[in-house]
Amino acid sequence: GEPVLAASDGKVVYAGNSLRGYGNLV
């Protein structure tokens, strides 16, 4: 539940969980 912050300005190109071993990924 702790916040995860964008490390720099940008555009989200993926948000999901289809990459095995990464879980819920941005």
mmCIF file of all heavy atoms, coordinates in Angstrom:
data_MODEL
# 
_entry.id   MODEL 
# 
loop_
_atom_site.group_PDB 
_atom_site.id 
_atom_site.type_symbol 
_atom_site.label_atom_id 
_atom_site.label_alt_id 
_atom_site.label_comp_id 
_atom_site.label_asym_id 
_atom_site.label_entity_id 
_atom_site.label_seq_id 
_atom_site.pdbx_PDB_ins_code 
_atom_site.Cartn_x 
_atom_site.Cartn_y 
_atom_site.Cartn_z 
_atom_site.occupancy 
_atom_site.B_iso_or_equiv 
_atom_site.pdbx_formal_charge 
_atom_site.auth_seq_id 
_atom_site.auth_comp_id 
_atom_site.auth_asym_id 
_atom_site.auth_atom_id 
_atom_site.pdbx_PDB_model_num 
ATOM 1   N N   . GLY A 1 1  ? 0.789  -1.223  0.000   1.00 0.00 ? 1  GLY A N   1 
ATOM 2   C CA  . GLY A 1 1  ? 0.000  0.000   0.000   1.00 0.00 ? 1  GLY A CA  1 
ATOM 3   C C   . GLY A 1 1  ? 0.819  1.270   0.000   1.00 0.00 ? 1  GLY A C   1 
ATOM 4   O O   . GLY A 1 1  ? 0.270  2.354   -0.229  1.00 0.00 ? 1  GLY A O   1 
ATOM 5   N N   . GLU A 1 2  ? 2.136  1.168   0.255   1.00 0.00 ? 2  GLU A N   1 
ATOM 6   C CA  . GLU A 1 2  ? 2.968  2.370   0.232   1.00 0.00 ? 2  GLU A CA  1 
ATOM 7   C C   . GLU A 1 2  ? 3.058  2.910   -1.193  1.00 0.00 ? 2  GLU A C   1 
ATOM 8   O O   . GLU A 1 2  ? 2.990  2.146   -2.171  1.00 0.00 ? 2  GLU A O   1 
ATOM 9   C CB  . GLU A 1 2  ? 4.360  2.065   0.782   1.00 0.00 ? 2  GLU A CB  1 
ATOM 10  C CG  . GLU A 1 2  ? 4.372  1.824   2.276   1.00 0.00 ? 2  GLU A CG  1 
ATOM 11  C CD  . GLU A 1 2  ? 5.764  1.638   2.846   1.00 0.00 ? 2  GLU A CD  1 
ATOM 12  O OE1 . GLU A 1 2  ? 6.692  1.310   2.068   1.00 0.00 ? 2  GLU A OE1 1 
ATOM 13  O OE2 . GLU A 1 2  ? 5.920  1.806   4.072   1.00 0.00 ? 2  GLU A OE2 1 
ATOM 14  N N   . PRO A 1 3  ? 3.219  4.235   -1.351  1.00 0.00 ? 3  PRO A N   1 
ATOM 15  C CA  . PRO A 1 3  ? 3.181  4.826   -2.691  1.00 0.00 ? 3  PRO A CA  1 
ATOM 16  C C   . PRO A 1 3  ? 4.373  4.468   -3.561  1.00 0.00 ? 3  PRO A C   1 
ATOM 17  O O   . PRO A 1 3  ? 5.510  4.375   -3.087  1.00 0.00 ? 3  PRO A O   1 
ATOM 18  C CB  . PRO A 1 3  ? 3.149  6.335   -2.404  1.00 0.00 ? 3  PRO A CB  1 
ATOM 19  C CG  . PRO A 1 3  ? 3.717  6.484   -1.037  1.00 0.00 ? 3  PRO A CG  1 
ATOM 20  C CD  . PRO A 1 3  ? 3.345  5.252   -0.291  1.00 0.00 ? 3  PRO A CD  1 
ATOM 21  N N   . VAL A 1 4  ? 4.084  4.263   -4.837  1.00 0.00 ? 4  VAL A N   1 
ATOM 22  C CA  . VAL A 1 4  ? 5.103  4.092   -5.872  1.00 0.00 ? 4  VAL A CA  1 
ATOM 23  C C   . VAL A 1 4  ? 4.991  5.307   -6.782  1.00 0.00 ? 4  VAL A C   1 
ATOM 24  O O   . VAL A 1 4  ? 3.907  5.610   -7.288  1.00 0.00 ? 4  VAL A O   1 
ATOM 25  C CB  . VAL A 1 4  ? 4.884  2.782   -6.669  1.00 0.00 ? 4  VAL A CB  1 
ATOM 26  C CG1 . VAL A 1 4  ? 5.837  2.708   -7.858  1.00 0.00 ? 4  VAL A CG1 1 
ATOM 27  C CG2 . VAL A 1 4  ? 5.059  1.578   -5.757  1.00 0.00 ? 4  VAL A CG2 1 
ATOM 28  N N   . LEU A 1 5  ? 6.096  6.011   -6.977  1.00 0.00 ? 5  LEU A N   1 
ATOM 29  C CA  . LEU A 1 5  ? 6.083  7.291   -7.674  1.00 0.00 ? 5  LEU A CA  1 
ATOM 30  C C   . LEU A 1 5  ? 6.806  7.224   -9.011  1.00 0.00 ? 5  LEU A C   1 
ATOM 31  O O   . LEU A 1 5  ? 7.801  6.487   -9.152  1.00 0.00 ? 5  LEU A O   1 
ATOM 32  C CB  . LEU A 1 5  ? 6.752  8.357   -6.799  1.00 0.00 ? 5  LEU A CB  1 
ATOM 33  C CG  . LEU A 1 5  ? 6.297  8.428   -5.334  1.00 0.00 ? 5  LEU A CG  1 
ATOM 34  C CD1 . LEU A 1 5  ? 7.121  9.448   -4.569  1.00 0.00 ? 5  LEU A CD1 1 
ATOM 35  C CD2 . LEU A 1 5  ? 4.806  8.739   -5.240  1.00 0.00 ? 5  LEU A CD2 1 
ATOM 36  N N   . ALA A 1 6  ? 6.338  7.982   -9.980  1.00 0.00 ? 6  ALA A N   1 
ATOM 37  C CA  . ALA A 1 6  ? 7.020  8.074   -11.273 1.00 0.00 ? 6  ALA A CA  1 
ATOM 38  C C   . ALA A 1 6  ? 8.375  8.729   -11.066 1.00 0.00 ? 6  ALA A C   1 
ATOM 39  O O   . ALA A 1 6  ? 8.479  9.779   -10.417 1.00 0.00 ? 6  ALA A O   1 
ATOM 40  C CB  . ALA A 1 6  ? 6.186  8.882   -12.257 1.00 0.00 ? 6  ALA A CB  1 
ATOM 41  N N   . ALA A 1 7  ? 9.410  8.133   -11.608 1.00 0.00 ? 7  ALA A N   1 
ATOM 42  C CA  . ALA A 1 7  ? 10.771 8.635   -11.398 1.00 0.00 ? 7  ALA A CA  1 
ATOM 43  C C   . ALA A 1 7  ? 11.085 9.843   -12.268 1.00 0.00 ? 7  ALA A C   1 
ATOM 44  O O   . ALA A 1 7  ? 12.047 10.568  -12.013 1.00 0.00 ? 7  ALA A O   1 
ATOM 45  C CB  . ALA A 1 7  ? 11.786 7.531   -11.668 1.00 0.00 ? 7  ALA A CB  1 
ATOM 46  N N   . SER A 1 8  ? 10.280 10.073  -13.297 1.00 0.00 ? 8  SER A N   1 
ATOM 47  C CA  . SER A 1 8  ? 10.452 11.240  -14.167 1.00 0.00 ? 8  SER A CA  1 
ATOM 48  C C   . SER A 1 8  ? 9.192  11.413  -14.999 1.00 0.00 ? 8  SER A C   1 
ATOM 49  O O   . SER A 1 8  ? 8.325  10.526  -15.026 1.00 0.00 ? 8  SER A O   1 
ATOM 50  C CB  . SER A 1 8  ? 11.676 11.064  -15.078 1.00 0.00 ? 8  SER A CB  1 
ATOM 51  O OG  . SER A 1 8  ? 11.958 12.256  -15.780 1.00 0.00 ? 8  SER A OG  1 
ATOM 52  N N   . ASP A 1 9  ? 9.080  12.567  -15.667 1.00 0.00 ? 9  ASP A N   1 
ATOM 53  C CA  . ASP A 1 9  ? 7.947  12.795  -16.555 1.00 0.00 ? 9  ASP A CA  1 
ATOM 54  C C   . ASP A 1 9  ? 7.930  11.736  -17.656 1.00 0.00 ? 9  ASP A C   1 
ATOM 55  O O   . ASP A 1 9  ? 8.987  11.286  -18.112 1.00 0.00 ? 9  ASP A O   1 
ATOM 56  C CB  . ASP A 1 9  ? 8.046  14.171  -17.222 1.00 0.00 ? 9  ASP A CB  1 
ATOM 57  C CG  . ASP A 1 9  ? 7.949  15.315  -16.219 1.00 0.00 ? 9  ASP A CG  1 
ATOM 58  O OD1 . ASP A 1 9  ? 7.667  15.058  -15.040 1.00 0.00 ? 9  ASP A OD1 1 
ATOM 59  O OD2 . ASP A 1 9  ? 8.167  16.459  -16.635 1.00 0.00 ? 9  ASP A OD2 1 
ATOM 60  N N   . GLY A 1 10 ? 6.757  11.379  -18.106 1.00 0.00 ? 10 GLY A N   1 
ATOM 61  C CA  . GLY A 1 10 ? 6.690  10.426  -19.204 1.00 0.00 ? 10 GLY A CA  1 
ATOM 62  C C   . GLY A 1 10 ? 5.272  10.006  -19.529 1.00 0.00 ? 10 GLY A C   1 
ATOM 63  O O   . GLY A 1 10 ? 4.300  10.627  -19.087 1.00 0.00 ? 10 GLY A O   1 
ATOM 64  N N   . LYS A 1 11 ? 5.165  8.947   -20.286 1.00 0.00 ? 11 LYS A N   1 
ATOM 65  C CA  . LYS A 1 11 ? 3.875  8.417   -20.719 1.00 0.00 ? 11 LYS A CA  1 
ATOM 66  C C   . LYS A 1 11 ? 3.804  6.939   -20.378 1.00 0.00 ? 11 LYS A C   1 
ATOM 67  O O   . LYS A 1 11 ? 4.757  6.190   -20.615 1.00 0.00 ? 11 LYS A O   1 
ATOM 68  C CB  . LYS A 1 11 ? 3.706  8.606   -22.232 1.00 0.00 ? 11 LYS A CB  1 
ATOM 69  C CG  . LYS A 1 11 ? 2.364  8.129   -22.774 1.00 0.00 ? 11 LYS A CG  1 
ATOM 70  C CD  . LYS A 1 11 ? 2.263  8.390   -24.268 1.00 0.00 ? 11 LYS A CD  1 
ATOM 71  C CE  . LYS A 1 11 ? 0.924  7.928   -24.824 1.00 0.00 ? 11 LYS A CE  1 
ATOM 72  N NZ  . LYS A 1 11 ? 0.813  8.172   -26.281 1.00 0.00 ? 11 LYS A NZ  1 
ATOM 73  N N   . VAL A 1 12 ? 2.693  6.523   -19.806 1.00 0.00 ? 12 VAL A N   1 
ATOM 74  C CA  . VAL A 1 12 ? 2.500  5.112   -19.459 1.00 0.00 ? 12 VAL A CA  1 
ATOM 75  C C   . VAL A 1 12 ? 2.278  4.317   -20.746 1.00 0.00 ? 12 VAL A C   1 
ATOM 76  O O   . VAL A 1 12 ? 1.328  4.584   -21.484 1.00 0.00 ? 12 VAL A O   1 
ATOM 77  C CB  . VAL A 1 12 ? 1.299  4.936   -18.509 1.00 0.00 ? 12 VAL A CB  1 
ATOM 78  C CG1 . VAL A 1 12 ? 1.074  3.453   -18.214 1.00 0.00 ? 12 VAL A CG1 1 
ATOM 79  C CG2 . VAL A 1 12 ? 1.522  5.715   -17.220 1.00 0.00 ? 12 VAL A CG2 1 
ATOM 80  N N   . VAL A 1 13 ? 3.174  3.375   -21.009 1.00 0.00 ? 13 VAL A N   1 
ATOM 81  C CA  . VAL A 1 13 ? 3.044  2.560   -22.216 1.00 0.00 ? 13 VAL A CA  1 
ATOM 82  C C   . VAL A 1 13 ? 2.605  1.130   -21.894 1.00 0.00 ? 13 VAL A C   1 
ATOM 83  O O   . VAL A 1 13 ? 2.312  0.354   -22.789 1.00 0.00 ? 13 VAL A O   1 
ATOM 84  C CB  . VAL A 1 13 ? 4.358  2.547   -23.031 1.00 0.00 ? 13 VAL A CB  1 
ATOM 85  C CG1 . VAL A 1 13 ? 4.674  3.925   -23.564 1.00 0.00 ? 13 VAL A CG1 1 
ATOM 86  C CG2 . VAL A 1 13 ? 5.520  2.002   -22.207 1.00 0.00 ? 13 VAL A CG2 1 
ATOM 87  N N   . TYR A 1 14 ? 2.569  0.808   -20.604 1.00 0.00 ? 14 TYR A N   1 
ATOM 88  C CA  . TYR A 1 14 ? 2.069  -0.519  -20.209 1.00 0.00 ? 14 TYR A CA  1 
ATOM 89  C C   . TYR A 1 14 ? 1.607  -0.444  -18.759 1.00 0.00 ? 14 TYR A C   1 
ATOM 90  O O   . TYR A 1 14 ? 2.268  0.148   -17.904 1.00 0.00 ? 14 TYR A O   1 
ATOM 91  C CB  . TYR A 1 14 ? 3.152  -1.582  -20.335 1.00 0.00 ? 14 TYR A CB  1 
ATOM 92  C CG  . TYR A 1 14 ? 2.669  -2.961  -19.930 1.00 0.00 ? 14 TYR A CG  1 
ATOM 93  C CD1 . TYR A 1 14 ? 1.947  -3.753  -20.815 1.00 0.00 ? 14 TYR A CD1 1 
ATOM 94  C CD2 . TYR A 1 14 ? 2.898  -3.453  -18.649 1.00 0.00 ? 14 TYR A CD2 1 
ATOM 95  C CE1 . TYR A 1 14 ? 1.466  -4.995  -20.438 1.00 0.00 ? 14 TYR A CE1 1 
ATOM 96  C CE2 . TYR A 1 14 ? 2.427  -4.685  -18.258 1.00 0.00 ? 14 TYR A CE2 1 
ATOM 97  C CZ  . TYR A 1 14 ? 1.713  -5.463  -19.159 1.00 0.00 ? 14 TYR A CZ  1 
ATOM 98  O OH  . TYR A 1 14 ? 1.225  -6.693  -18.780 1.00 0.00 ? 14 TYR A OH  1 
ATOM 99  N N   . ALA A 1 15 ? 0.460  -1.051  -18.486 1.00 0.00 ? 15 ALA A N   1 
ATOM 100 C CA  . ALA A 1 15 ? -0.048 -1.196  -17.129 1.00 0.00 ? 15 ALA A CA  1 
ATOM 101 C C   . ALA A 1 15 ? -0.851 -2.490  -17.088 1.00 0.00 ? 15 ALA A C   1 
ATOM 102 O O   . ALA A 1 15 ? -1.948 -2.563  -17.630 1.00 0.00 ? 15 ALA A O   1 
ATOM 103 C CB  . ALA A 1 15 ? -0.922 -0.001  -16.736 1.00 0.00 ? 15 ALA A CB  1 
ATOM 104 N N   . GLY A 1 16 ? -0.274 -3.513  -16.480 1.00 0.00 ? 16 GLY A N   1 
ATOM 105 C CA  . GLY A 1 16 ? -0.936 -4.811  -16.473 1.00 0.00 ? 16 GLY A CA  1 
ATOM 106 C C   . GLY A 1 16 ? -0.098 -5.854  -15.776 1.00 0.00 ? 16 GLY A C   1 
ATOM 107 O O   . GLY A 1 16 ? 0.855  -5.545  -15.049 1.00 0.00 ? 16 GLY A O   1 
ATOM 108 N N   . ASN A 1 17 ? -0.411 -7.118  -16.019 1.00 0.00 ? 17 ASN A N   1 
ATOM 109 C CA  . ASN A 1 17 ? 0.300  -8.209  -15.332 1.00 0.00 ? 17 ASN A CA  1 
ATOM 110 C C   . ASN A 1 17 ? 0.587  -9.393  -16.249 1.00 0.00 ? 17 ASN A C   1 
ATOM 111 O O   . ASN A 1 17 ? 0.561  -10.540 -15.817 1.00 0.00 ? 17 ASN A O   1 
ATOM 112 C CB  . ASN A 1 17 ? -0.506 -8.678  -14.114 1.00 0.00 ? 17 ASN A CB  1 
ATOM 113 C CG  . ASN A 1 17 ? -1.903 -9.145  -14.474 1.00 0.00 ? 17 ASN A CG  1 
ATOM 114 O OD1 . ASN A 1 17 ? -2.265 -9.221  -15.648 1.00 0.00 ? 17 ASN A OD1 1 
ATOM 115 N ND2 . ASN A 1 17 ? -2.698 -9.477  -13.470 1.00 0.00 ? 17 ASN A ND2 1 
ATOM 116 N N   . SER A 1 18 ? 0.871  -9.120  -17.518 1.00 0.00 ? 18 SER A N   1 
ATOM 117 C CA  . SER A 1 18 ? 1.117  -10.219 -18.456 1.00 0.00 ? 18 SER A CA  1 
ATOM 118 C C   . SER A 1 18 ? 2.585  -10.624 -18.551 1.00 0.00 ? 18 SER A C   1 
ATOM 119 O O   . SER A 1 18 ? 2.904  -11.594 -19.231 1.00 0.00 ? 18 SER A O   1 
ATOM 120 C CB  . SER A 1 18 ? 0.600  -9.843  -19.851 1.00 0.00 ? 18 SER A CB  1 
ATOM 121 O OG  . SER A 1 18 ? 1.362  -8.796  -20.402 1.00 0.00 ? 18 SER A OG  1 
ATOM 122 N N   . LEU A 1 19 ? 3.486  -9.911  -17.864 1.00 0.00 ? 19 LEU A N   1 
ATOM 123 C CA  . LEU A 1 19 ? 4.894  -10.273 -17.886 1.00 0.00 ? 19 LEU A CA  1 
ATOM 124 C C   . LEU A 1 19 ? 5.204  -11.133 -16.670 1.00 0.00 ? 19 LEU A C   1 
ATOM 125 O O   . LEU A 1 19 ? 5.192  -10.651 -15.534 1.00 0.00 ? 19 LEU A O   1 
ATOM 126 C CB  . LEU A 1 19 ? 5.807  -9.032  -17.890 1.00 0.00 ? 19 LEU A CB  1 
ATOM 127 C CG  . LEU A 1 19 ? 6.126  -8.456  -19.262 1.00 0.00 ? 19 LEU A CG  1 
ATOM 128 C CD1 . LEU A 1 19 ? 4.930  -7.677  -19.788 1.00 0.00 ? 19 LEU A CD1 1 
ATOM 129 C CD2 . LEU A 1 19 ? 7.348  -7.549  -19.198 1.00 0.00 ? 19 LEU A CD2 1 
ATOM 130 N N   . ARG A 1 20 ? 5.468  -12.400 -16.904 1.00 0.00 ? 20 ARG A N   1 
ATOM 131 C CA  . ARG A 1 20 ? 5.710  -13.338 -15.817 1.00 0.00 ? 20 ARG A CA  1 
ATOM 132 C C   . ARG A 1 20 ? 6.901  -12.885 -14.970 1.00 0.00 ? 20 ARG A C   1 
ATOM 133 O O   . ARG A 1 20 ? 7.943  -12.512 -15.476 1.00 0.00 ? 20 ARG A O   1 
ATOM 134 C CB  . ARG A 1 20 ? 5.991  -14.726 -16.405 1.00 0.00 ? 20 ARG A CB  1 
ATOM 135 C CG  . ARG A 1 20 ? 6.091  -15.834 -15.369 1.00 0.00 ? 20 ARG A CG  1 
ATOM 136 C CD  . ARG A 1 20 ? 6.334  -17.163 -16.036 1.00 0.00 ? 20 ARG A CD  1 
ATOM 137 N NE  . ARG A 1 20 ? 5.292  -17.476 -17.018 1.00 0.00 ? 20 ARG A NE  1 
ATOM 138 C CZ  . ARG A 1 20 ? 5.373  -18.481 -17.892 1.00 0.00 ? 20 ARG A CZ  1 
ATOM 139 N NH1 . ARG A 1 20 ? 6.451  -19.241 -17.934 1.00 0.00 ? 20 ARG A NH1 1 
ATOM 140 N NH2 . ARG A 1 20 ? 4.374  -18.695 -18.740 1.00 0.00 ? 20 ARG A NH2 1 
ATOM 141 N N   . GLY A 1 21 ? 6.705  -12.913 -13.662 1.00 0.00 ? 21 GLY A N   1 
ATOM 142 C CA  . GLY A 1 21 ? 7.774  -12.545 -12.749 1.00 0.00 ? 21 GLY A CA  1 
ATOM 143 C C   . GLY A 1 21 ? 7.769  -11.087 -12.331 1.00 0.00 ? 21 GLY A C   1 
ATOM 144 O O   . GLY A 1 21 ? 8.531  -10.693 -11.448 1.00 0.00 ? 21 GLY A O   1 
ATOM 145 N N   . TYR A 1 22 ? 6.897  -10.283 -12.950 1.00 0.00 ? 22 TYR A N   1 
ATOM 146 C CA  . TYR A 1 22 ? 6.832  -8.856  -12.624 1.00 0.00 ? 22 TYR A CA  1 
ATOM 147 C C   . TYR A 1 22 ? 5.570  -8.482  -11.847 1.00 0.00 ? 22 TYR A C   1 
ATOM 148 O O   . TYR A 1 22 ? 5.467  -7.377  -11.328 1.00 0.00 ? 22 TYR A O   1 
ATOM 149 C CB  . TYR A 1 22 ? 6.890  -8.014  -13.899 1.00 0.00 ? 22 TYR A CB  1 
ATOM 150 C CG  . TYR A 1 22 ? 8.265  -7.903  -14.513 1.00 0.00 ? 22 TYR A CG  1 
ATOM 151 C CD1 . TYR A 1 22 ? 8.756  -8.886  -15.369 1.00 0.00 ? 22 TYR A CD1 1 
ATOM 152 C CD2 . TYR A 1 22 ? 9.073  -6.807  -14.248 1.00 0.00 ? 22 TYR A CD2 1 
ATOM 153 C CE1 . TYR A 1 22 ? 10.015 -8.780  -15.941 1.00 0.00 ? 22 TYR A CE1 1 
ATOM 154 C CE2 . TYR A 1 22 ? 10.330 -6.674  -14.822 1.00 0.00 ? 22 TYR A CE2 1 
ATOM 155 C CZ  . TYR A 1 22 ? 10.799 -7.676  -15.665 1.00 0.00 ? 22 TYR A CZ  1 
ATOM 156 O OH  . TYR A 1 22 ? 12.056 -7.558  -16.221 1.00 0.00 ? 22 TYR A OH  1 
ATOM 157 N N   . GLY A 1 23 ? 4.601  -9.369  -11.787 1.00 0.00 ? 23 GLY A N   1 
ATOM 158 C CA  . GLY A 1 23 ? 3.357  -9.048  -11.109 1.00 0.00 ? 23 GLY A CA  1 
ATOM 159 C C   . GLY A 1 23 ? 2.645  -7.896  -11.777 1.00 0.00 ? 23 GLY A C   1 
ATOM 160 O O   . GLY A 1 23 ? 2.687  -7.739  -13.003 1.00 0.00 ? 23 GLY A O   1 
ATOM 161 N N   . ASN A 1 24 ? 1.975  -7.064  -10.986 1.00 0.00 ? 24 ASN A N   1 
ATOM 162 C CA  . ASN A 1 24 ? 1.309  -5.877  -11.522 1.00 0.00 ? 24 ASN A CA  1 
ATOM 163 C C   . ASN A 1 24 ? 2.375  -4.836  -11.861 1.00 0.00 ? 24 ASN A C   1 
ATOM 164 O O   . ASN A 1 24 ? 3.069  -4.335  -10.974 1.00 0.00 ? 24 ASN A O   1 
ATOM 165 C CB  . ASN A 1 24 ? 0.313  -5.315  -10.513 1.00 0.00 ? 24 ASN A CB  1 
ATOM 166 C CG  . ASN A 1 24 ? -0.850 -6.258  -10.279 1.00 0.00 ? 24 ASN A CG  1 
ATOM 167 O OD1 . ASN A 1 24 ? -1.277 -6.976  -11.183 1.00 0.00 ? 24 ASN A OD1 1 
ATOM 168 N ND2 . ASN A 1 24 ? -1.377 -6.277  -9.058  1.00 0.00 ? 24 ASN A ND2 1 
ATOM 169 N N   . LEU A 1 25 ? 2.474  -4.514  -13.127 1.00 0.00 ? 25 LEU A N   1 
ATOM 170 C CA  . LEU A 1 25 ? 3.613  -3.746  -13.638 1.00 0.00 ? 25 LEU A CA  1 
ATOM 171 C C   . LEU A 1 25 ? 3.161  -2.473  -14.345 1.00 0.00 ? 25 LEU A C   1 
ATOM 172 O O   . LEU A 1 25 ? 2.166  -2.469  -15.054 1.00 0.00 ? 25 LEU A O   1 
ATOM 173 C CB  . LEU A 1 25 ? 4.399  -4.628  -14.622 1.00 0.00 ? 25 LEU A CB  1 
ATOM 174 C CG  . LEU A 1 25 ? 5.530  -3.994  -15.421 1.00 0.00 ? 25 LEU A CG  1 
ATOM 175 C CD1 . LEU A 1 25 ? 6.706  -3.633  -14.518 1.00 0.00 ? 25 LEU A CD1 1 
ATOM 176 C CD2 . LEU A 1 25 ? 5.997  -4.948  -16.526 1.00 0.00 ? 25 LEU A CD2 1 
ATOM 177 N N   . VAL A 1 26 ? 3.925  -1.414  -14.130 1.00 0.00 ? 26 VAL A N   1 
ATOM 178 C CA  . VAL A 1 26 ? 3.749  -0.168  -14.876 1.00 0.00 ? 26 VAL A CA  1 
ATOM 179 C C   . VAL A 1 26 ? 5.059  0.127   -15.598 1.00 0.00 ? 26 VAL A C   1 
ATOM 180 O O   . VAL A 1 26 ? 6.138  0.016   -15.013 1.00 0.00 ? 26 VAL A O   1 
ATOM 181 C CB  . VAL A 1 26 ? 3.410  1.022   -13.947 1.00 0.00 ? 26 VAL A CB  1 
ATOM 182 C CG1 . VAL A 1 26 ? 3.348  2.324   -14.751 1.00 0.00 ? 26 VAL A CG1 1 
ATOM 183 C CG2 . VAL A 1 26 ? 2.093  0.797   -13.232 1.00 0.00 ? 26 VAL A CG2 1 
# 
